PDB file of all heavy atoms in Angstrom:
ATOM      1  N   LEU A   1      40.292  84.498 115.114  1.00  0.00           N
ATOM      2  CA  LEU A   1      38.877  84.768 115.392  1.00  0.00           C
ATOM      3  C   LEU A   1      38.237  85.551 114.246  1.00  0.00           C
ATOM      4  O   LEU A   1      37.118  85.246 113.821  1.00  0.00           O
ATOM      5  CB  LEU A   1      38.745  85.576 116.686  1.00  0.00           C
ATOM      6  CG  LEU A   1      38.961  84.847 117.992  1.00  0.00           C
ATOM      7  CD1 LEU A   1      38.978  85.841 119.148  1.00  0.00           C
ATOM      8  CD2 LEU A   1      37.893  83.804 118.208  1.00  0.00           C
ATOM      9  N   TRP A   2      38.935  86.567 113.755  1.00  0.00           N
ATOM     10  CA  TRP A   2      38.426  87.380 112.663  1.00  0.00           C
ATOM     11  C   TRP A   2      38.260  86.534 111.406  1.00  0.00           C
ATOM     12  O   TRP A   2      37.269  86.651 110.685  1.00  0.00           O
ATOM     13  CB  TRP A   2      39.384  88.549 112.411  1.00  0.00           C
ATOM     14  CG  TRP A   2      38.969  89.426 111.283  1.00  0.00           C
ATOM     15  CD1 TRP A   2      38.005  90.379 111.293  1.00  0.00           C
ATOM     16  CD2 TRP A   2      39.522  89.423 109.965  1.00  0.00           C
ATOM     17  NE1 TRP A   2      37.926  90.983 110.060  1.00  0.00           N
ATOM     18  CE2 TRP A   2      38.843  90.406 109.228  1.00  0.00           C
ATOM     19  CE3 TRP A   2      40.523  88.680 109.341  1.00  0.00           C
ATOM     20  CZ2 TRP A   2      39.140  90.666 107.904  1.00  0.00           C
ATOM     21  CZ3 TRP A   2      40.815  88.945 108.026  1.00  0.00           C
ATOM     22  CH2 TRP A   2      40.121  89.927 107.324  1.00  0.00           C
ATOM     23  N   ASN A   3      39.215  85.664 111.132  1.00  0.00           N
ATOM     24  CA  ASN A   3      39.166  84.819 109.939  1.00  0.00           C
ATOM     25  C   ASN A   3      38.021  83.809 110.026  1.00  0.00           C
ATOM     26  O   ASN A   3      37.331  83.558 109.028  1.00  0.00           O
ATOM     27  CB  ASN A   3      40.508  84.106 109.759  1.00  0.00           C
ATOM     28  CG  ASN A   3      40.773  83.760 108.328  1.00  0.00           C
ATOM     29  OD1 ASN A   3      40.177  84.303 107.420  1.00  0.00           O
ATOM     30  ND2 ASN A   3      41.693  82.836 108.133  1.00  0.00           N
ATOM     31  N   VAL A   4      37.802  83.227 111.186  1.00  0.00           N
ATOM     32  CA  VAL A   4      36.687  82.291 111.369  1.00  0.00           C
ATOM     33  C   VAL A   4      35.369  83.008 111.128  1.00  0.00           C
ATOM     34  O   VAL A   4      34.472  82.484 110.445  1.00  0.00           O
ATOM     35  CB  VAL A   4      36.727  81.665 112.789  1.00  0.00           C
ATOM     36  CG1 VAL A   4      35.421  80.997 113.146  1.00  0.00           C
ATOM     37  CG2 VAL A   4      37.879  80.690 112.900  1.00  0.00           C
ATOM     38  N   GLU A   5      35.239  84.205 111.673  1.00  0.00           N
ATOM     39  CA  GLU A   5      34.011  84.978 111.485  1.00  0.00           C
ATOM     40  C   GLU A   5      33.822  85.349 110.011  1.00  0.00           C
ATOM     41  O   GLU A   5      32.719  85.313 109.488  1.00  0.00           O
ATOM     42  CB  GLU A   5      34.072  86.241 112.351  1.00  0.00           C
ATOM     43  CG  GLU A   5      32.767  86.938 112.505  1.00  0.00           C
ATOM     44  CD  GLU A   5      31.752  86.173 113.325  1.00  0.00           C
ATOM     45  OE1 GLU A   5      32.138  85.369 114.188  1.00  0.00           O
ATOM     46  OE2 GLU A   5      30.551  86.376 113.091  1.00  0.00           O
ATOM     47  N   ARG A   6      34.913  85.681 109.336  1.00  0.00           N
ATOM     48  CA  ARG A   6      34.842  86.035 107.914  1.00  0.00           C
ATOM     49  C   ARG A   6      34.357  84.850 107.084  1.00  0.00           C
ATOM     50  O   ARG A   6      33.488  84.989 106.224  1.00  0.00           O
ATOM     51  CB  ARG A   6      36.210  86.492 107.424  1.00  0.00           C
ATOM     52  CG  ARG A   6      36.239  86.913 105.978  1.00  0.00           C
ATOM     53  CD  ARG A   6      37.576  87.510 105.626  1.00  0.00           C
ATOM     54  NE  ARG A   6      38.639  86.537 105.776  1.00  0.00           N
ATOM     55  CZ  ARG A   6      39.336  86.024 104.778  1.00  0.00           C
ATOM     56  NH1 ARG A   6      39.097  86.414 103.551  1.00  0.00           N
ATOM     57  NH2 ARG A   6      40.287  85.150 104.994  1.00  0.00           N
ATOM     58  N   HIS A   7      34.901  83.667 107.353  1.00  0.00           N
ATOM     59  CA  HIS A   7      34.471  82.475 106.604  1.00  0.00           C
ATOM     60  C   HIS A   7      33.034  82.087 106.940  1.00  0.00           C
ATOM     61  O   HIS A   7      32.294  81.636 106.062  1.00  0.00           O
ATOM     62  CB  HIS A   7      35.419  81.306 106.868  1.00  0.00           C
ATOM     63  CG  HIS A   7      36.755  81.464 106.213  1.00  0.00           C
ATOM     64  ND1 HIS A   7      36.909  81.640 104.859  1.00  0.00           N
ATOM     65  CD2 HIS A   7      38.003  81.480 106.731  1.00  0.00           C
ATOM     66  CE1 HIS A   7      38.185  81.752 104.560  1.00  0.00           C
ATOM     67  NE2 HIS A   7      38.881  81.669 105.692  1.00  0.00           N
ATOM     68  N   ALA A   8      32.642  82.261 108.188  1.00  0.00           N
ATOM     69  CA  ALA A   8      31.260  81.957 108.565  1.00  0.00           C
ATOM     70  C   ALA A   8      30.285  82.898 107.862  1.00  0.00           C
ATOM     71  O   ALA A   8      29.215  82.470 107.408  1.00  0.00           O
ATOM     72  CB  ALA A   8      31.102  82.052 110.075  1.00  0.00           C
ATOM     73  N   LEU A   9      30.654  84.169 107.753  1.00  0.00           N
ATOM     74  CA  LEU A   9      29.780  85.119 107.059  1.00  0.00           C
ATOM     75  C   LEU A   9      29.751  84.856 105.555  1.00  0.00           C
ATOM     76  O   LEU A   9      28.728  85.082 104.903  1.00  0.00           O
ATOM     77  CB  LEU A   9      30.231  86.547 107.320  1.00  0.00           C
ATOM     78  CG  LEU A   9      29.858  87.122 108.680  1.00  0.00           C
ATOM     79  CD1 LEU A   9      30.528  88.464 108.893  1.00  0.00           C
ATOM     80  CD2 LEU A   9      28.359  87.249 108.818  1.00  0.00           C
ATOM     81  N   ALA A  10      30.860  84.387 105.003  1.00  0.00           N
ATOM     82  CA  ALA A  10      30.909  84.120 103.561  1.00  0.00           C
ATOM     83  C   ALA A  10      30.009  82.952 103.182  1.00  0.00           C
ATOM     84  O   ALA A  10      29.489  82.902 102.065  1.00  0.00           O
ATOM     85  CB  ALA A  10      32.337  83.841 103.134  1.00  0.00           C
ATOM     86  N   GLU A  11      29.809  82.025 104.109  1.00  0.00           N
ATOM     87  CA  GLU A  11      28.978  80.855 103.820  1.00  0.00           C
ATOM     88  C   GLU A  11      27.489  81.180 103.884  1.00  0.00           C
ATOM     89  O   GLU A  11      26.670  80.439 103.345  1.00  0.00           O
ATOM     90  CB  GLU A  11      29.307  79.731 104.795  1.00  0.00           C
ATOM     91  CG  GLU A  11      30.698  79.157 104.568  1.00  0.00           C
ATOM     92  CD  GLU A  11      31.075  78.114 105.600  1.00  0.00           C
ATOM     93  OE1 GLU A  11      30.257  77.826 106.492  1.00  0.00           O
ATOM     94  OE2 GLU A  11      32.198  77.600 105.504  1.00  0.00           O
ATOM     95  N   LEU A  12      27.131  82.272 104.545  1.00  0.00           N
ATOM     96  CA  LEU A  12      25.728  82.653 104.640  1.00  0.00           C
ATOM     97  C   LEU A  12      25.317  83.442 103.405  1.00  0.00           C
ATOM     98  O   LEU A  12      26.111  84.199 102.861  1.00  0.00           O
ATOM     99  CB  LEU A  12      25.496  83.534 105.878  1.00  0.00           C
ATOM    100  CG  LEU A  12      25.675  82.879 107.234  1.00  0.00           C
ATOM    101  CD1 LEU A  12      25.566  83.953 108.318  1.00  0.00           C
ATOM    102  CD2 LEU A  12      24.646  81.810 107.456  1.00  0.00           C
ATOM    103  N   PRO A  13      24.083  83.283 102.970  1.00  0.00           N
ATOM    104  CA  PRO A  13      23.601  84.155 101.896  1.00  0.00           C
ATOM    105  C   PRO A  13      23.562  85.605 102.385  1.00  0.00           C
ATOM    106  O   PRO A  13      23.374  85.857 103.572  1.00  0.00           O
ATOM    107  CB  PRO A  13      22.193  83.650 101.606  1.00  0.00           C
ATOM    108  CG  PRO A  13      22.022  82.387 102.355  1.00  0.00           C
ATOM    109  CD  PRO A  13      23.112  82.287 103.366  1.00  0.00           C
ATOM    110  N   ASN A  14      23.739  86.545 101.485  1.00  0.00           N
ATOM    111  CA  ASN A  14      23.818  87.956 101.868  1.00  0.00           C
ATOM    112  C   ASN A  14      22.571  88.437 102.601  1.00  0.00           C
ATOM    113  O   ASN A  14      22.658  89.245 103.517  1.00  0.00           O
ATOM    114  CB  ASN A  14      24.046  88.837 100.641  1.00  0.00           C
ATOM    115  CG  ASN A  14      25.466  88.705 100.136  1.00  0.00           C
ATOM    116  OD1 ASN A  14      26.345  88.286 100.864  1.00  0.00           O
ATOM    117  ND2 ASN A  14      25.671  89.061  98.881  1.00  0.00           N
ATOM    118  N   ALA A  15      21.424  87.981 102.176  1.00  0.00           N
ATOM    119  CA  ALA A  15      20.184  88.453 102.792  1.00  0.00           C
ATOM    120  C   ALA A  15      20.013  87.935 104.211  1.00  0.00           C
ATOM    121  O   ALA A  15      19.313  88.543 105.007  1.00  0.00           O
ATOM    122  CB  ALA A  15      18.998  88.030 101.939  1.00  0.00           C
ATOM    123  N   SER A  16      20.633  86.792 104.540  1.00  0.00           N
ATOM    124  CA  SER A  16      20.396  86.205 105.859  1.00  0.00           C
ATOM    125  C   SER A  16      21.532  86.475 106.847  1.00  0.00           C
ATOM    126  O   SER A  16      21.567  85.873 107.902  1.00  0.00           O
ATOM    127  CB  SER A  16      20.197  84.687 105.724  1.00  0.00           C
ATOM    128  OG  SER A  16      21.412  84.085 105.334  1.00  0.00           O
ATOM    129  N   SER A  17      22.452  87.371 106.526  1.00  0.00           N
ATOM    130  CA  SER A  17      23.523  87.694 107.467  1.00  0.00           C
ATOM    131  C   SER A  17      22.949  88.513 108.617  1.00  0.00           C
ATOM    132  O   SER A  17      22.461  89.618 108.412  1.00  0.00           O
ATOM    133  CB  SER A  17      24.626  88.512 106.789  1.00  0.00           C
ATOM    134  OG  SER A  17      25.233  87.752 105.789  1.00  0.00           O
ATOM    135  N   PRO A  18      22.991  87.956 109.816  1.00  0.00           N
ATOM    136  CA  PRO A  18      22.443  88.707 110.954  1.00  0.00           C
ATOM    137  C   PRO A  18      23.281  89.952 111.243  1.00  0.00           C
ATOM    138  O   PRO A  18      24.504  89.915 111.157  1.00  0.00           O
ATOM    139  CB  PRO A  18      22.518  87.725 112.115  1.00  0.00           C
ATOM    140  CG  PRO A  18      23.088  86.467 111.595  1.00  0.00           C
ATOM    141  CD  PRO A  18      23.490  86.655 110.185  1.00  0.00           C
ATOM    142  N   PRO A  19      22.622  91.042 111.579  1.00  0.00           N
ATOM    143  CA  PRO A  19      23.353  92.286 111.851  1.00  0.00           C
ATOM    144  C   PRO A  19      24.335  92.151 113.013  1.00  0.00           C
ATOM    145  O   PRO A  19      25.376  92.794 113.030  1.00  0.00           O
ATOM    146  CB  PRO A  19      22.266  93.299 112.183  1.00  0.00           C
ATOM    147  CG  PRO A  19      20.985  92.684 111.813  1.00  0.00           C
ATOM    148  CD  PRO A  19      21.179  91.226 111.651  1.00  0.00           C
ATOM    149  N   GLU A  20      24.019  91.293 113.996  1.00  0.00           N
ATOM    150  CA  GLU A  20      24.920  91.116 115.128  1.00  0.00           C
ATOM    151  C   GLU A  20      26.251  90.512 114.676  1.00  0.00           C
ATOM    152  O   GLU A  20      27.311  90.891 115.152  1.00  0.00           O
ATOM    153  CB  GLU A  20      24.305  90.198 116.197  1.00  0.00           C
ATOM    154  CG  GLU A  20      22.959  90.624 116.714  1.00  0.00           C
ATOM    155  CD  GLU A  20      21.817  90.085 115.854  1.00  0.00           C
ATOM    156  OE1 GLU A  20      21.898  88.956 115.342  1.00  0.00           O
ATOM    157  OE2 GLU A  20      20.852  90.838 115.685  1.00  0.00           O
ATOM    158  N   ARG A  21      26.169  89.574 113.750  1.00  0.00           N
ATOM    159  CA  ARG A  21      27.408  88.943 113.248  1.00  0.00           C
ATOM    160  C   ARG A  21      28.225  89.917 112.422  1.00  0.00           C
ATOM    161  O   ARG A  21      29.449  89.933 112.513  1.00  0.00           O
ATOM    162  CB  ARG A  21      27.078  87.714 112.409  1.00  0.00           C
ATOM    163  CG  ARG A  21      26.711  86.537 113.295  1.00  0.00           C
ATOM    164  CD  ARG A  21      26.742  85.300 112.523  1.00  0.00           C
ATOM    165  NE  ARG A  21      28.082  84.727 112.582  1.00  0.00           N
ATOM    166  CZ  ARG A  21      28.307  83.461 112.351  1.00  0.00           C
ATOM    167  NH1 ARG A  21      27.313  82.673 112.061  1.00  0.00           N
ATOM    168  NH2 ARG A  21      29.514  82.991 112.401  1.00  0.00           N
ATOM    169  N   LEU A  22      27.543  90.710 111.608  1.00  0.00           N
ATOM    170  CA  LEU A  22      28.269  91.715 110.826  1.00  0.00           C
ATOM    171  C   LEU A  22      28.943  92.734 111.748  1.00  0.00           C
ATOM    172  O   LEU A  22      30.087  93.127 111.527  1.00  0.00           O
ATOM    173  CB  LEU A  22      27.318  92.431 109.868  1.00  0.00           C
ATOM    174  CG  LEU A  22      26.869  91.622 108.653  1.00  0.00           C
ATOM    175  CD1 LEU A  22      25.787  92.376 107.890  1.00  0.00           C
ATOM    176  CD2 LEU A  22      28.046  91.341 107.752  1.00  0.00           C
ATOM    177  N   SER A  23      28.241  93.126 112.793  1.00  0.00           N
ATOM    178  CA  SER A  23      28.800  94.074 113.747  1.00  0.00           C
ATOM    179  C   SER A  23      30.002  93.469 114.470  1.00  0.00           C
ATOM    180  O   SER A  23      31.031  94.138 114.649  1.00  0.00           O
ATOM    181  CB  SER A  23      27.729  94.474 114.757  1.00  0.00           C
ATOM    182  OG  SER A  23      28.275  95.252 115.773  1.00  0.00           O
ATOM    183  N   ARG A  24      29.890  92.215 114.864  1.00  0.00           N
ATOM    184  CA  ARG A  24      31.000  91.540 115.548  1.00  0.00           C
ATOM    185  C   ARG A  24      32.200  91.401 114.610  1.00  0.00           C
ATOM    186  O   ARG A  24      33.344  91.627 115.010  1.00  0.00           O
ATOM    187  CB  ARG A  24      30.555  90.153 116.014  1.00  0.00           C
ATOM    188  CG  ARG A  24      31.636  89.405 116.745  1.00  0.00           C
ATOM    189  CD  ARG A  24      31.082  88.135 117.384  1.00  0.00           C
ATOM    190  NE  ARG A  24      32.099  87.548 118.212  1.00  0.00           N
ATOM    191  CZ  ARG A  24      32.789  86.470 117.884  1.00  0.00           C
ATOM    192  NH1 ARG A  24      32.548  85.846 116.751  1.00  0.00           N
ATOM    193  NH2 ARG A  24      33.710  85.990 118.688  1.00  0.00           N
ATOM    194  N   TYR A  25      31.934  91.075 113.355  1.00  0.00           N
ATOM    195  CA  TYR A  25      33.003  90.941 112.370  1.00  0.00           C
ATOM    196  C   TYR A  25      33.736  92.274 112.172  1.00  0.00           C
ATOM    197  O   TYR A  25      34.963  92.324 112.175  1.00  0.00           O
ATOM    198  CB  TYR A  25      32.397  90.452 111.053  1.00  0.00           C
ATOM    199  CG  TYR A  25      33.337  90.469 109.878  1.00  0.00           C
ATOM    200  CD1 TYR A  25      34.396  89.575 109.822  1.00  0.00           C
ATOM    201  CD2 TYR A  25      33.174  91.376 108.845  1.00  0.00           C
ATOM    202  CE1 TYR A  25      35.269  89.588 108.748  1.00  0.00           C
ATOM    203  CE2 TYR A  25      34.033  91.388 107.774  1.00  0.00           C
ATOM    204  CZ  TYR A  25      35.077  90.496 107.723  1.00  0.00           C
ATOM    205  OH  TYR A  25      35.945  90.510 106.658  1.00  0.00           O
ATOM    206  N   ARG A  26      32.981  93.351 112.030  1.00  0.00           N
ATOM    207  CA  ARG A  26      33.600  94.678 111.862  1.00  0.00           C
ATOM    208  C   ARG A  26      34.393  95.086 113.101  1.00  0.00           C
ATOM    209  O   ARG A  26      35.486  95.616 113.001  1.00  0.00           O
ATOM    210  CB  ARG A  26      32.525  95.717 111.566  1.00  0.00           C
ATOM    211  CG  ARG A  26      31.993  95.620 110.172  1.00  0.00           C
ATOM    212  CD  ARG A  26      31.093  96.814 109.855  1.00  0.00           C
ATOM    213  NE  ARG A  26      30.317  96.512 108.686  1.00  0.00           N
ATOM    214  CZ  ARG A  26      29.013  96.228 108.693  1.00  0.00           C
ATOM    215  NH1 ARG A  26      28.354  96.245 109.814  1.00  0.00           N
ATOM    216  NH2 ARG A  26      28.391  95.943 107.583  1.00  0.00           N
ATOM    217  N   ARG A  27      33.805  94.825 114.278  1.00  0.00           N
ATOM    218  CA  ARG A  27      34.489  95.187 115.520  1.00  0.00           C
ATOM    219  C   ARG A  27      35.783  94.400 115.678  1.00  0.00           C
ATOM    220  O   ARG A  27      36.818  94.949 116.084  1.00  0.00           O
ATOM    221  CB  ARG A  27      33.560  94.970 116.711  1.00  0.00           C
ATOM    222  CG  ARG A  27      34.088  95.589 117.979  1.00  0.00           C
ATOM    223  CD  ARG A  27      33.088  95.599 119.122  1.00  0.00           C
ATOM    224  NE  ARG A  27      32.615  94.273 119.454  1.00  0.00           N
ATOM    225  CZ  ARG A  27      31.338  93.890 119.385  1.00  0.00           C
ATOM    226  NH1 ARG A  27      30.415  94.724 118.979  1.00  0.00           N
ATOM    227  NH2 ARG A  27      30.977  92.674 119.721  1.00  0.00           N
ATOM    228  N   LEU A  28      35.753  93.111 115.344  1.00  0.00           N
ATOM    229  CA  LEU A  28      36.982  92.302 115.396  1.00  0.00           C
ATOM    230  C   LEU A  28      38.030  92.829 114.422  1.00  0.00           C
ATOM    231  O   LEU A  28      39.221  92.880 114.752  1.00  0.00           O
ATOM    232  CB  LEU A  28      36.680  90.833 115.073  1.00  0.00           C
ATOM    233  CG  LEU A  28      36.133  89.981 116.190  1.00  0.00           C
ATOM    234  CD1 LEU A  28      35.698  88.620 115.647  1.00  0.00           C
ATOM    235  CD2 LEU A  28      37.147  89.803 117.287  1.00  0.00           C
ATOM    236  N   GLY A  29      37.594  93.240 113.242  1.00  0.00           N
ATOM    237  CA  GLY A  29      38.529  93.774 112.260  1.00  0.00           C
ATOM    238  C   GLY A  29      39.168  95.067 112.720  1.00  0.00           C
ATOM    239  O   GLY A  29      40.384  95.248 112.607  1.00  0.00           O
ATOM    240  N   TRP A  30      38.368  95.974 113.270  1.00  0.00           N
ATOM    241  CA  TRP A  30      38.920  97.235 113.773  1.00  0.00           C
ATOM    242  C   TRP A  30      39.821  97.001 114.976  1.00  0.00           C
ATOM    243  O   TRP A  30      40.834  97.682 115.154  1.00  0.00           O
ATOM    244  CB  TRP A  30      37.800  98.211 114.121  1.00  0.00           C
ATOM    245  CG  TRP A  30      37.248  98.889 112.911  1.00  0.00           C
ATOM    246  CD1 TRP A  30      36.019  98.707 112.360  1.00  0.00           C
ATOM    247  CD2 TRP A  30      37.919  99.840 112.091  1.00  0.00           C
ATOM    248  NE1 TRP A  30      35.884  99.486 111.245  1.00  0.00           N
ATOM    249  CE2 TRP A  30      37.040 100.197 111.057  1.00  0.00           C
ATOM    250  CE3 TRP A  30      39.184 100.424 112.123  1.00  0.00           C
ATOM    251  CZ2 TRP A  30      37.381 101.118 110.073  1.00  0.00           C
ATOM    252  CZ3 TRP A  30      39.517 101.342 111.147  1.00  0.00           C
ATOM    253  CH2 TRP A  30      38.617 101.678 110.139  1.00  0.00           C
ATOM    254  N   ARG A  31      39.432  96.054 115.817  1.00  0.00           N
ATOM    255  CA  ARG A  31      40.264  95.723 116.982  1.00  0.00           C
ATOM    256  C   ARG A  31      41.610  95.169 116.536  1.00  0.00           C
ATOM    257  O   ARG A  31      42.655  95.562 117.058  1.00  0.00           O
ATOM    258  CB  ARG A  31      39.517  94.713 117.847  1.00  0.00           C
ATOM    259  CG  ARG A  31      40.120  94.492 119.182  1.00  0.00           C
ATOM    260  CD  ARG A  31      39.169  93.672 120.017  1.00  0.00           C
ATOM    261  NE  ARG A  31      39.895  92.576 120.597  1.00  0.00           N
ATOM    262  CZ  ARG A  31      39.365  91.465 121.028  1.00  0.00           C
ATOM    263  NH1 ARG A  31      38.066  91.273 120.935  1.00  0.00           N
ATOM    264  NH2 ARG A  31      40.098  90.531 121.561  1.00  0.00           N
ATOM    265  N   LEU A  32      41.586  94.286 115.558  1.00  0.00           N
ATOM    266  CA  LEU A  32      42.822  93.718 115.016  1.00  0.00           C
ATOM    267  C   LEU A  32      43.696  94.814 114.414  1.00  0.00           C
ATOM    268  O   LEU A  32      44.903  94.872 114.671  1.00  0.00           O
ATOM    269  CB  LEU A  32      42.490  92.651 113.974  1.00  0.00           C
ATOM    270  CG  LEU A  32      43.659  92.000 113.244  1.00  0.00           C
ATOM    271  CD1 LEU A  32      44.557  91.252 114.218  1.00  0.00           C
ATOM    272  CD2 LEU A  32      43.141  91.059 112.166  1.00  0.00           C
TER     273      LEU A  32
END
């Protein structure tokens, strides 16, 4: 799940990364 989220965020331009996705990615990483 964390890896899928990481690749999905990498495909988005930096300016258009939604804060909810970044928060979910960080939370998944800390949970892992």
